Amino acid sequence: MSGRALLALAVAFTALAVAENAARAEDDKRYEGALFSFRHPAAATVQPGADPSADVAVTVTLKEVVASVLAGQKRVSDGEIEALATAWHGARIKNRAAWGMKANGGPPRDAVRIADRRWLRWRDHIGSVLGAQEQTMTCGAVGGHLACVVVSAPQKEREQSDALAAQLLGSLTIVKKH
């Protein structure tokens, strides 16, 4: 294949990707809250939430997948993010145990990249009266604040859970106070 043909093919694929992203963006909505905003699927329901550690929590529900978008109002340094995120994760585990849920843990915490940012991710296996669930908590720094997305769903929905978390985290911004 000639260089000119390869270039034309690359341009066609780029145009297709841009059109696909534009179509997907039209199917999304933007949540605008007091501390943060994010993009979410139009089919999802969004409502105020609660969390044992975070100052602000919003719940996003998309079929069997439930995500909590969390953030702290206090500005923190990059050096404090890992310790604070670990403390928030520990508080969630204690809270689940207090509600009678069984947390079997999961693989060790790992670092992931979403939207050119570094995030810390925990995957926990949760047992409850609703059946076995996987809860994934992904945390990092956004605008100098600790922000996390916690997604709960059946293990078979891991791909959809990870996609929703990536969309929420990739579009998450801190609202500047004037």
C-alpha atoms as a PDB file:
ATOM      1  CA  MET A   1       0.000   0.000   0.000  1.00  0.00           C
ATOM      2  CA  SER A   2       1.395   3.399  -0.924  1.00  0.00           C
ATOM      3  CA  GLY A   3       2.101   6.149   1.560  1.00  0.00           C
ATOM      4  CA  ARG A   4      -0.706   8.237   0.078  1.00  0.00           C
ATOM      5  CA  ALA A   5      -3.185   5.356   0.520  1.00  0.00           C
ATOM      6  CA  LEU A   6      -2.050   4.826   4.125  1.00  0.00           C
ATOM      7  CA  LEU A   7      -2.495   8.526   4.829  1.00  0.00           C
ATOM      8  CA  ALA A   8      -6.010   8.480   3.342  1.00  0.00           C
ATOM      9  CA  LEU A   9      -6.856   5.416   5.416  1.00  0.00           C
ATOM     10  CA  ALA A  10      -5.530   7.078   8.596  1.00  0.00           C
ATOM     11  CA  VAL A  11      -7.575  10.224   7.879  1.00  0.00           C
ATOM     12  CA  ALA A  12     -10.702   8.114   7.313  1.00  0.00           C
ATOM     13  CA  PHE A  13     -10.215   6.237  10.611  1.00  0.00           C
ATOM     14  CA  THR A  14      -9.603   9.511  12.460  1.00  0.00           C
ATOM     15  CA  ALA A  15     -12.790  11.029  11.013  1.00  0.00           C
ATOM     16  CA  LEU A  16     -14.735   7.902  12.000  1.00  0.00           C
ATOM     17  CA  ALA A  17     -13.367   8.063  15.574  1.00  0.00           C
ATOM     18  CA  VAL A  18     -14.221  11.773  15.856  1.00  0.00           C
ATOM     19  CA  ALA A  19     -17.761  11.129  14.589  1.00  0.00           C
ATOM     20  CA  GLU A  20     -18.194   8.213  17.007  1.00  0.00           C
ATOM     21  CA  ASN A  21     -16.980  10.307  19.964  1.00  0.00           C
ATOM     22  CA  ALA A  22     -19.287  13.181  18.957  1.00  0.00           C
ATOM     23  CA  ALA A  23     -22.263  10.811  18.739  1.00  0.00           C
ATOM     24  CA  ARG A  24     -21.392   9.319  22.131  1.00  0.00           C
ATOM     25  CA  ALA A  25     -21.036  12.809  23.656  1.00  0.00           C
ATOM     26  CA  GLU A  26     -24.519  13.715  22.401  1.00  0.00           C
ATOM     27  CA  ASP A  27     -25.845  10.707  24.325  1.00  0.00           C
ATOM     28  CA  ASP A  28     -24.201  11.981  27.527  1.00  0.00           C
ATOM     29  CA  LYS A  29     -25.296  14.534  30.085  1.00  0.00           C
ATOM     30  CA  ARG A  30     -23.250  16.685  32.417  1.00  0.00           C
ATOM     31  CA  TYR A  31     -23.846  16.782  36.171  1.00  0.00           C
ATOM     32  CA  GLU A  32     -23.044  20.196  37.672  1.00  0.00           C
ATOM     33  CA  GLY A  33     -22.757  20.149  41.453  1.00  0.00           C
ATOM     34  CA  ALA A  34     -21.523  22.449  44.194  1.00  0.00           C
ATOM     35  CA  LEU A  35     -18.005  20.909  44.306  1.00  0.00           C
ATOM     36  CA  PHE A  36     -17.556  18.984  41.080  1.00  0.00           C
ATOM     37  CA  SER A  37     -19.009  18.221  37.670  1.00  0.00           C
ATOM     38  CA  PHE A  38     -18.746  15.172  35.420  1.00  0.00           C
ATOM     39  CA  ARG A  39     -20.141  13.626  32.254  1.00  0.00           C
ATOM     40  CA  HIS A  40     -22.439  10.582  32.536  1.00  0.00           C
ATOM     41  CA  PRO A  41     -24.594   8.456  30.217  1.00  0.00           C
ATOM     42  CA  ALA A  42     -27.989  10.018  29.515  1.00  0.00           C
ATOM     43  CA  ALA A  43     -29.675   6.742  30.515  1.00  0.00           C
ATOM     44  CA  ALA A  44     -28.195   6.917  34.023  1.00  0.00           C
ATOM     45  CA  THR A  45     -29.995   8.364  37.031  1.00  0.00           C
ATOM     46  CA  VAL A  46     -28.035  10.807  39.185  1.00  0.00           C
ATOM     47  CA  GLN A  47     -28.940  11.719  42.761  1.00  0.00           C
ATOM     48  CA  PRO A  48     -27.295  12.908  45.977  1.00  0.00           C
ATOM     49  CA  GLY A  49     -25.423  10.185  47.851  1.00  0.00           C
ATOM     50  CA  ALA A  50     -23.573   9.662  51.130  1.00  0.00           C
ATOM     51  CA  ASP A  51     -20.176   8.299  52.109  1.00  0.00           C
ATOM     52  CA  PRO A  52     -18.431   7.707  55.467  1.00  0.00           C
ATOM     53  CA  SER A  53     -15.371   9.767  54.443  1.00  0.00           C
ATOM     54  CA  ALA A  54     -16.144  12.098  51.557  1.00  0.00           C
ATOM     55  CA  ASP A  55     -17.598  15.571  51.980  1.00  0.00           C
ATOM     56  CA  VAL A  56     -19.611  15.308  48.766  1.00  0.00           C
ATOM     57  CA  ALA A  57     -21.122  12.173  47.211  1.00  0.00           C
ATOM     58  CA  VAL A  58     -23.296  11.704  44.147  1.00  0.00           C
ATOM     59  CA  THR A  59     -24.776   8.354  43.062  1.00  0.00           C
ATOM     60  CA  VAL A  60     -24.956   7.398  39.384  1.00  0.00           C
ATOM     61  CA  THR A  61     -27.067   4.317  38.540  1.00  0.00           C
ATOM     62  CA  LEU A  62     -26.966   2.624  35.138  1.00  0.00           C
ATOM     63  CA  LYS A  63     -28.935  -0.653  35.147  1.00  0.00           C
ATOM     64  CA  GLU A  64     -27.078  -3.075  37.485  1.00  0.00           C
ATOM     65  CA  VAL A  65     -24.092  -0.756  37.910  1.00  0.00           C
ATOM     66  CA  VAL A  66     -24.100   1.787  40.753  1.00  0.00           C
ATOM     67  CA  ALA A  67     -21.304   4.354  41.003  1.00  0.00           C
ATOM     68  CA  SER A  68     -20.593   6.853  43.747  1.00  0.00           C
ATOM     69  CA  VAL A  69     -18.629   9.946  42.766  1.00  0.00           C
ATOM     70  CA  LEU A  70     -16.858  11.245  45.869  1.00  0.00           C
ATOM     71  CA  ALA A  71     -14.704  14.244  46.676  1.00  0.00           C
ATOM     72  CA  GLY A  72     -13.263  16.085  49.632  1.00  0.00           C
ATOM     73  CA  GLN A  73     -13.673  19.834  49.955  1.00  0.00           C
ATOM     74  CA  LYS A  74     -10.242  20.276  51.563  1.00  0.00           C
ATOM     75  CA  ARG A  75      -7.359  20.879  49.167  1.00  0.00           C
ATOM     76  CA  VAL A  76      -4.606  18.299  49.574  1.00  0.00           C
ATOM     77  CA  SER A  77      -1.080  18.015  48.224  1.00  0.00           C
ATOM     78  CA  ASP A  78      -0.057  15.309  45.776  1.00  0.00           C
ATOM     79  CA  GLY A  79       1.967  13.705  48.570  1.00  0.00           C
ATOM     80  CA  GLU A  80      -1.174  13.283  50.715  1.00  0.00           C
ATOM     81  CA  ILE A  81      -3.369  11.667  48.047  1.00  0.00           C
ATOM     82  CA  GLU A  82      -2.236   8.058  48.468  1.00  0.00           C
ATOM     83  CA  ALA A  83      -2.530   8.018  52.275  1.00  0.00           C
ATOM     84  CA  LEU A  84      -5.906   9.768  52.241  1.00  0.00           C
ATOM     85  CA  ALA A  85      -7.282   7.492  49.496  1.00  0.00           C
ATOM     86  CA  THR A  86      -6.131   4.444  51.485  1.00  0.00           C
ATOM     87  CA  ALA A  87      -7.894   5.818  54.578  1.00  0.00           C
ATOM     88  CA  TRP A  88     -11.114   6.361  52.594  1.00  0.00           C
ATOM     89  CA  HIS A  89     -10.906   2.795  51.275  1.00  0.00           C
ATOM     90  CA  GLY A  90     -10.406   1.486  54.830  1.00  0.00           C
ATOM     91  CA  ALA A  91     -13.422   3.479  56.045  1.00  0.00           C
ATOM     92  CA  ARG A  92     -15.573   1.947  53.307  1.00  0.00           C
ATOM     93  CA  ILE A  93     -14.515  -1.570  54.333  1.00  0.00           C
ATOM     94  CA  LYS A  94     -15.357  -0.862  57.990  1.00  0.00           C
ATOM     95  CA  ASN A  95     -18.699   0.655  56.955  1.00  0.00           C
ATOM     96  CA  ARG A  96     -19.579  -2.424  54.879  1.00  0.00           C
ATOM     97  CA  ALA A  97     -18.702  -4.721  57.793  1.00  0.00           C
ATOM     98  CA  ALA A  98     -20.929  -2.648  60.087  1.00  0.00           C
ATOM     99  CA  TRP A  99     -23.809  -3.263  57.661  1.00  0.00           C
ATOM    100  CA  GLY A 100     -23.199  -7.020  57.770  1.00  0.00           C
ATOM    101  CA  MET A 101     -21.579  -7.345  54.367  1.00  0.00           C
ATOM    102  CA  LYS A 102     -18.631  -9.656  53.886  1.00  0.00           C
ATOM    103  CA  ALA A 103     -15.608  -8.166  52.150  1.00  0.00           C
ATOM    104  CA  ASN A 104     -13.268 -10.817  50.801  1.00  0.00           C
ATOM    105  CA  GLY A 105     -10.793  -8.320  49.483  1.00  0.00           C
ATOM    106  CA  GLY A 106      -9.375  -8.702  46.044  1.00  0.00           C
ATOM    107  CA  PRO A 107      -6.121  -8.196  44.235  1.00  0.00           C
ATOM    108  CA  PRO A 108      -3.694  -5.676  45.695  1.00  0.00           C
ATOM    109  CA  ARG A 109      -4.225  -2.010  44.966  1.00  0.00           C
ATOM    110  CA  ASP A 110      -2.901  -1.035  41.555  1.00  0.00           C
ATOM    111  CA  ALA A 111      -2.148   2.174  39.679  1.00  0.00           C
ATOM    112  CA  VAL A 112      -4.084   2.896  36.498  1.00  0.00           C
ATOM    113  CA  ARG A 113      -4.094   5.727  33.964  1.00  0.00           C
ATOM    114  CA  ILE A 114      -7.386   7.284  32.922  1.00  0.00           C
ATOM    115  CA  ALA A 115      -7.523  10.474  30.845  1.00  0.00           C
ATOM    116  CA  ASP A 116      -3.794  11.083  31.319  1.00  0.00           C
ATOM    117  CA  ARG A 117      -4.095  11.036  35.109  1.00  0.00           C
ATOM    118  CA  ARG A 118      -2.735   8.518  37.592  1.00  0.00           C
ATOM    119  CA  TRP A 119      -5.347   6.806  39.769  1.00  0.00           C
ATOM    120  CA  LEU A 120      -5.175   4.217  42.560  1.00  0.00           C
ATOM    121  CA  ARG A 121      -7.648   1.345  42.217  1.00  0.00           C
ATOM    122  CA  TRP A 122      -8.883  -1.297  44.675  1.00  0.00           C
ATOM    123  CA  ARG A 123     -11.126  -4.214  43.656  1.00  0.00           C
ATOM    124  CA  ASP A 124     -13.036  -5.836  46.515  1.00  0.00           C
ATOM    125  CA  HIS A 125     -15.341  -8.834  46.374  1.00  0.00           C
ATOM    126  CA  ILE A 126     -18.459  -8.180  48.430  1.00  0.00           C
ATOM    127  CA  GLY A 127     -21.059 -10.667  49.628  1.00  0.00           C
ATOM    128  CA  SER A 128     -24.489  -9.538  50.805  1.00  0.00           C
ATOM    129  CA  VAL A 129     -28.145 -10.513  50.660  1.00  0.00           C
ATOM    130  CA  LEU A 130     -28.140  -9.102  47.115  1.00  0.00           C
ATOM    131  CA  GLY A 131     -25.546 -11.668  46.044  1.00  0.00           C
ATOM    132  CA  ALA A 132     -21.883 -11.470  45.149  1.00  0.00           C
ATOM    133  CA  GLN A 133     -20.736  -8.077  43.928  1.00  0.00           C
ATOM    134  CA  GLU A 134     -17.462  -6.536  42.897  1.00  0.00           C
ATOM    135  CA  GLN A 135     -16.748  -3.081  44.249  1.00  0.00           C
ATOM    136  CA  THR A 136     -14.045  -1.079  42.515  1.00  0.00           C
ATOM    137  CA  MET A 137     -12.748   2.101  44.157  1.00  0.00           C
ATOM    138  CA  THR A 138     -10.577   4.375  42.008  1.00  0.00           C
ATOM    139  CA  CYS A 139      -9.080   7.528  43.558  1.00  0.00           C
ATOM    140  CA  GLY A 140      -6.763  10.353  42.584  1.00  0.00           C
ATOM    141  CA  ALA A 141      -6.168  14.078  42.573  1.00  0.00           C
ATOM    142  CA  VAL A 142      -8.507  16.401  40.688  1.00  0.00           C
ATOM    143  CA  GLY A 143      -7.864  20.112  40.970  1.00  0.00           C
ATOM    144  CA  GLY A 144      -5.998  19.642  44.260  1.00  0.00           C
ATOM    145  CA  HIS A 145      -8.810  17.588  45.849  1.00  0.00           C
ATOM    146  CA  LEU A 146      -9.075  13.868  46.511  1.00  0.00           C
ATOM    147  CA  ALA A 147     -11.750  12.419  44.242  1.00  0.00           C
ATOM    148  CA  CYS A 148     -12.902   8.820  43.916  1.00  0.00           C
ATOM    149  CA  VAL A 149     -15.400   6.764  41.981  1.00  0.00           C
ATOM    150  CA  VAL A 150     -16.700   3.622  43.683  1.00  0.00           C
ATOM    151  CA  VAL A 151     -18.536   1.244  41.361  1.00  0.00           C
ATOM    152  CA  SER A 152     -20.589  -1.717  42.633  1.00  0.00           C
ATOM    153  CA  ALA A 153     -21.911  -4.344  40.233  1.00  0.00           C
ATOM    154  CA  PRO A 154     -22.080  -8.082  39.672  1.00  0.00           C
ATOM    155  CA  GLN A 155     -18.673  -9.439  38.603  1.00  0.00           C
ATOM    156  CA  LYS A 156     -20.053 -10.231  35.140  1.00  0.00           C
ATOM    157  CA  GLU A 157     -20.512  -6.455  34.630  1.00  0.00           C
ATOM    158  CA  ARG A 158     -16.812  -5.600  35.195  1.00  0.00           C
ATOM    159  CA  GLU A 159     -16.354  -4.241  31.668  1.00  0.00           C
ATOM    160  CA  GLN A 160     -19.376  -1.923  31.986  1.00  0.00           C
ATOM    161  CA  SER A 161     -18.262  -0.922  35.506  1.00  0.00           C
ATOM    162  CA  ASP A 162     -14.769  -0.012  34.330  1.00  0.00           C
ATOM    163  CA  ALA A 163     -16.167   1.915  31.344  1.00  0.00           C
ATOM    164  CA  LEU A 164     -18.520   3.939  33.571  1.00  0.00           C
ATOM    165  CA  ALA A 165     -15.716   4.665  36.075  1.00  0.00           C
ATOM    166  CA  ALA A 166     -13.420   5.787  33.232  1.00  0.00           C
ATOM    167  CA  GLN A 167     -16.110   8.101  31.829  1.00  0.00           C
ATOM    168  CA  LEU A 168     -16.850   9.656  35.227  1.00  0.00           C
ATOM    169  CA  LEU A 169     -13.178  10.020  36.223  1.00  0.00           C
ATOM    170  CA  GLY A 170     -12.057  11.205  32.797  1.00  0.00           C
ATOM    171  CA  SER A 171     -14.593  14.032  32.796  1.00  0.00           C
ATOM    172  CA  LEU A 172     -14.462  14.922  36.503  1.00  0.00           C
ATOM    173  CA  THR A 173     -13.615  18.557  37.229  1.00  0.00           C
ATOM    174  CA  ILE A 174     -13.619  20.561  40.436  1.00  0.00           C
ATOM    175  CA  VAL A 175     -15.917  23.578  40.352  1.00  0.00           C
ATOM    176  CA  LYS A 176     -13.954  26.712  41.158  1.00  0.00           C
ATOM    177  CA  LYS A 177     -15.473  28.829  43.909  1.00  0.00           C
ATOM    178  CA  HIS A 178     -15.488  32.542  43.124  1.00  0.00           C
END
